[in-house]
C-alpha atoms as a PDB file:
ATOM      1  CA  MET A   1      45.761  36.391  -1.172  1.00  0.00           C
ATOM      2  CA  ARG A   2      44.421  37.246  -4.588  1.00  0.00           C
ATOM      3  CA  ARG A   3      44.854  33.428  -5.477  1.00  0.00           C
ATOM      4  CA  LEU A   4      42.951  32.225  -2.539  1.00  0.00           C
ATOM      5  CA  MET A   5      40.105  34.754  -3.565  1.00  0.00           C
ATOM      6  CA  THR A   6      40.153  33.429  -6.970  1.00  0.00           C
ATOM      7  CA  PHE A   7      40.164  29.784  -5.862  1.00  0.00           C
ATOM      8  CA  SER A   8      37.136  30.644  -3.523  1.00  0.00           C
ATOM      9  CA  ALA A   9      35.335  32.227  -6.364  1.00  0.00           C
ATOM     10  CA  THR A  10      36.053  29.296  -8.670  1.00  0.00           C
ATOM     11  CA  LEU A  11      34.791  26.799  -6.034  1.00  0.00           C
ATOM     12  CA  SER A  12      31.689  28.782  -5.440  1.00  0.00           C
ATOM     13  CA  ALA A  13      30.764  28.912  -8.900  1.00  0.00           C
ATOM     14  CA  ALA A  14      31.551  25.258  -9.330  1.00  0.00           C
ATOM     15  CA  VAL A  15      29.216  24.387  -6.178  1.00  0.00           C
ATOM     16  CA  ALA A  16      26.385  26.540  -7.532  1.00  0.00           C
ATOM     17  CA  LEU A  17      26.598  24.893 -10.986  1.00  0.00           C
ATOM     18  CA  LEU A  18      26.315  21.341  -9.490  1.00  0.00           C
ATOM     19  CA  VAL A  19      23.474  22.465  -7.279  1.00  0.00           C
ATOM     20  CA  GLY A  20      21.847  23.996 -10.240  1.00  0.00           C
ATOM     21  CA  ILE A  21      22.287  20.587 -12.330  1.00  0.00           C
ATOM     22  CA  ALA A  22      21.185  18.443  -9.504  1.00  0.00           C
ATOM     23  CA  ALA A  23      17.940  20.574  -9.269  1.00  0.00           C
ATOM     24  CA  VAL A  24      17.135  20.316 -12.851  1.00  0.00           C
ATOM     25  CA  GLU A  25      17.801  16.522 -12.890  1.00  0.00           C
ATOM     26  CA  SER A  26      15.497  16.201  -9.909  1.00  0.00           C
ATOM     27  CA  ALA A  27      12.605  18.311 -11.539  1.00  0.00           C
ATOM     28  CA  ASP A  28      13.037  16.180 -14.537  1.00  0.00           C
ATOM     29  CA  LEU A  29      12.597  12.948 -12.572  1.00  0.00           C
ATOM     30  CA  LYS A  30       9.571  14.360 -10.811  1.00  0.00           C
ATOM     31  CA  ALA A  31       8.029  15.542 -14.108  1.00  0.00           C
ATOM     32  CA  ALA A  32       8.627  12.173 -15.963  1.00  0.00           C
ATOM     33  CA  PRO A  33       5.104  10.510 -17.055  1.00  0.00           C
ATOM     34  CA  ALA A  34       4.626   7.172 -15.442  1.00  0.00           C
ATOM     35  CA  SER A  35       4.848   4.184 -17.957  1.00  0.00           C
ATOM     36  CA  ALA A  36       1.733   1.860 -18.234  1.00  0.00           C
ATOM     37  CA  SER A  37       3.886  -0.539 -15.938  1.00  0.00           C
ATOM     38  CA  GLN A  38       4.087   1.982 -13.290  1.00  0.00           C
ATOM     39  CA  ASP A  39       0.532   3.312 -13.628  1.00  0.00           C
ATOM     40  CA  ALA A  40      -0.727   4.309 -10.161  1.00  0.00           C
ATOM     41  CA  GLY A  41      -4.178   2.617 -10.679  1.00  0.00           C
ATOM     42  CA  SER A  42      -7.330   3.698  -9.076  1.00  0.00           C
ATOM     43  CA  VAL A  43      -8.500   4.084  -5.472  1.00  0.00           C
ATOM     44  CA  ARG A  44     -10.886   1.059  -4.511  1.00  0.00           C
ATOM     45  CA  GLU A  45     -12.577   1.139  -1.133  1.00  0.00           C
ATOM     46  CA  PHE A  46     -14.280  -1.888   0.368  1.00  0.00           C
ATOM     47  CA  THR A  47     -16.137  -2.516   3.644  1.00  0.00           C
ATOM     48  CA  VAL A  48     -15.525  -6.003   4.787  1.00  0.00           C
ATOM     49  CA  ASN A  49     -17.536  -7.440   7.892  1.00  0.00           C
ATOM     50  CA  GLY A  50     -16.400 -10.528   9.621  1.00  0.00           C
ATOM     51  CA  GLY A  51     -19.208 -12.399  11.576  1.00  0.00           C
ATOM     52  CA  HIS A  52     -20.795 -15.735  11.992  1.00  0.00           C
ATOM     53  CA  TYR A  53     -17.749 -17.353  10.802  1.00  0.00           C
ATOM     54  CA  ALA A  54     -17.815 -15.581   7.084  1.00  0.00           C
ATOM     55  CA  PHE A  55     -16.628 -12.537   5.482  1.00  0.00           C
ATOM     56  CA  GLN A  56     -18.849 -10.394   3.459  1.00  0.00           C
ATOM     57  CA  PRO A  57     -18.211  -9.826   0.716  1.00  0.00           C
ATOM     58  CA  GLN A  58     -16.170 -13.033  -0.039  1.00  0.00           C
ATOM     59  CA  THR A  59     -14.571 -11.767  -3.169  1.00  0.00           C
ATOM     60  CA  LEU A  60     -12.728  -8.370  -3.747  1.00  0.00           C
ATOM     61  CA  GLU A  61     -11.918  -7.531  -7.329  1.00  0.00           C
ATOM     62  CA  VAL A  62      -9.303  -4.816  -8.134  1.00  0.00           C
ATOM     63  CA  ASN A  63      -6.990  -4.096 -10.928  1.00  0.00           C
ATOM     64  CA  ARG A  64      -3.040  -4.229 -10.638  1.00  0.00           C
ATOM     65  CA  ASN A  65      -1.622  -1.183  -8.956  1.00  0.00           C
ATOM     66  CA  ASP A  66      -4.988  -0.084  -7.559  1.00  0.00           C
ATOM     67  CA  LEU A  67      -4.468   1.467  -4.125  1.00  0.00           C
ATOM     68  CA  VAL A  68      -7.252  -0.829  -1.951  1.00  0.00           C
ATOM     69  CA  LYS A  69      -8.501   0.711   1.232  1.00  0.00           C
ATOM     70  CA  ILE A  70     -10.444  -1.747   3.432  1.00  0.00           C
ATOM     71  CA  SER A  71     -12.540  -0.956   6.355  1.00  0.00           C
ATOM     72  CA  PHE A  72     -12.962  -4.411   8.395  1.00  0.00           C
ATOM     73  CA  THR A  73     -15.343  -4.783  11.110  1.00  0.00           C
ATOM     74  CA  ALA A  74     -15.834  -7.770  13.542  1.00  0.00           C
ATOM     75  CA  GLN A  75     -19.251  -8.023  14.227  1.00  0.00           C
ATOM     76  CA  ASP A  76     -19.669 -10.843  16.871  1.00  0.00           C
ATOM     77  CA  ILE A  77     -16.214 -11.927  18.081  1.00  0.00           C
ATOM     78  CA  PRO A  78     -12.700 -10.785  17.445  1.00  0.00           C
ATOM     79  CA  HIS A  79     -11.703 -11.540  13.955  1.00  0.00           C
ATOM     80  CA  SER A  80      -8.670 -10.959  11.834  1.00  0.00           C
ATOM     81  CA  PHE A  81      -8.178 -10.232   8.141  1.00  0.00           C
ATOM     82  CA  THR A  82      -5.036 -11.738   6.950  1.00  0.00           C
ATOM     83  CA  ILE A  83      -3.400 -11.800   3.281  1.00  0.00           C
ATOM     84  CA  ASP A  84      -0.151 -13.644   3.634  1.00  0.00           C
ATOM     85  CA  GLU A  85       1.123 -12.509   0.041  1.00  0.00           C
ATOM     86  CA  TYR A  86       0.739  -8.814   1.231  1.00  0.00           C
ATOM     87  CA  ARG A  87       2.025  -9.302   4.666  1.00  0.00           C
ATOM     88  CA  ILE A  88      -1.394  -7.900   6.024  1.00  0.00           C
ATOM     89  CA  VAL A  89      -2.580  -9.156   9.513  1.00  0.00           C
ATOM     90  CA  LYS A  90      -5.254  -6.846  10.921  1.00  0.00           C
ATOM     91  CA  ARG A  91      -7.309  -7.646  14.028  1.00  0.00           C
ATOM     92  CA  ALA A  92     -10.613  -6.122  14.900  1.00  0.00           C
ATOM     93  CA  GLY A  93     -12.312  -6.606  18.436  1.00  0.00           C
ATOM     94  CA  VAL A  94     -16.091  -7.128  18.827  1.00  0.00           C
ATOM     95  CA  GLY A  95     -17.619  -4.052  17.229  1.00  0.00           C
ATOM     96  CA  GLN A  96     -14.297  -2.402  16.134  1.00  0.00           C
ATOM     97  CA  THR A  97     -13.544  -1.223  12.688  1.00  0.00           C
ATOM     98  CA  VAL A  98      -9.745  -1.285  11.304  1.00  0.00           C
ATOM     99  CA  THR A  99      -9.062   0.622   8.333  1.00  0.00           C
ATOM    100  CA  PHE A 100      -6.017   0.140   6.272  1.00  0.00           C
ATOM    101  CA  GLU A 101      -4.609   0.398   2.672  1.00  0.00           C
ATOM    102  CA  PHE A 102      -2.299  -1.243   0.436  1.00  0.00           C
ATOM    103  CA  ARG A 103      -1.074  -1.179  -3.296  1.00  0.00           C
ATOM    104  CA  ALA A 104      -2.454  -4.379  -5.334  1.00  0.00           C
ATOM    105  CA  ASP A 105       0.880  -4.488  -7.206  1.00  0.00           C
ATOM    106  CA  ARG A 106       0.828  -8.292  -8.089  1.00  0.00           C
ATOM    107  CA  PRO A 107      -1.785  -9.833 -10.337  1.00  0.00           C
ATOM    108  CA  GLY A 108      -3.243 -13.117  -9.231  1.00  0.00           C
ATOM    109  CA  THR A 109      -5.793 -14.475  -6.572  1.00  0.00           C
ATOM    110  CA  PHE A 110      -5.081 -14.272  -2.940  1.00  0.00           C
ATOM    111  CA  SER A 111      -6.920 -15.897  -0.067  1.00  0.00           C
ATOM    112  CA  TYR A 112      -7.862 -13.887   2.856  1.00  0.00           C
ATOM    113  CA  TYR A 113      -8.754 -15.430   6.174  1.00  0.00           C
ATOM    114  CA  CYS A 114      -9.189 -15.208   9.898  1.00  0.00           C
ATOM    115  CA  ASN A 115      -5.941 -16.336  11.695  1.00  0.00           C
ATOM    116  CA  LEU A 116      -7.367 -16.215  15.111  1.00  0.00           C
ATOM    117  CA  THR A 117      -7.363 -19.455  17.256  1.00  0.00           C
ATOM    118  CA  GLN A 118      -9.980 -18.643  19.889  1.00  0.00           C
ATOM    119  CA  ASP A 119     -12.692 -20.591  18.043  1.00  0.00           C
ATOM    120  CA  ASP A 120     -12.007 -23.509  15.630  1.00  0.00           C
ATOM    121  CA  LYS A 121     -14.743 -22.243  13.317  1.00  0.00           C
ATOM    122  CA  CYS A 122     -12.549 -19.154  12.650  1.00  0.00           C
ATOM    123  CA  LYS A 123     -10.336 -21.085  10.308  1.00  0.00           C
ATOM    124  CA  ASN A 124     -13.317 -21.651   8.133  1.00  0.00           C
ATOM    125  CA  MET A 125     -13.474 -17.729   7.300  1.00  0.00           C
ATOM    126  CA  LYS A 126     -12.115 -17.317   4.007  1.00  0.00           C
ATOM    127  CA  GLY A 127     -12.241 -14.858   1.077  1.00  0.00           C
ATOM    128  CA  ARG A 128     -10.355 -14.055  -2.000  1.00  0.00           C
ATOM    129  CA  LEU A 129      -8.655 -10.942  -3.412  1.00  0.00           C
ATOM    130  CA  VAL A 130      -8.657 -10.857  -7.224  1.00  0.00           C
ATOM    131  CA  VAL A 131      -6.175  -8.648  -8.928  1.00  0.00           C
ATOM    132  CA  LYS A 132      -6.439  -8.407 -12.701  1.00  0.00           C
END
């Protein structure tokens, strides 16, 4: 019986030690500062209107790792806001506003466009996202 009590106490102490080590390592990971490549960036908000077969504005400029928040409104007929490289496809009905966000984590210039097919002129709606 004494051995069982000693084993139980030793096991409890070992578990407590492991839990303490895990808690310290977890706190260290949370407290570690982000490197320049992991910089969270800024929050960039845009209002984009789709109407008369055009986007306004036609160019959105952000920095890499910015959190991009877009409020997209279809003014005259249903339109979509699509960026293939970021796997974004948002549809808005007439007068409807759709708000969404994404992390601009890749530098480059990316086209955004309307992918709806109800009117042939929609395929001419194009803009560009520039991520510096």
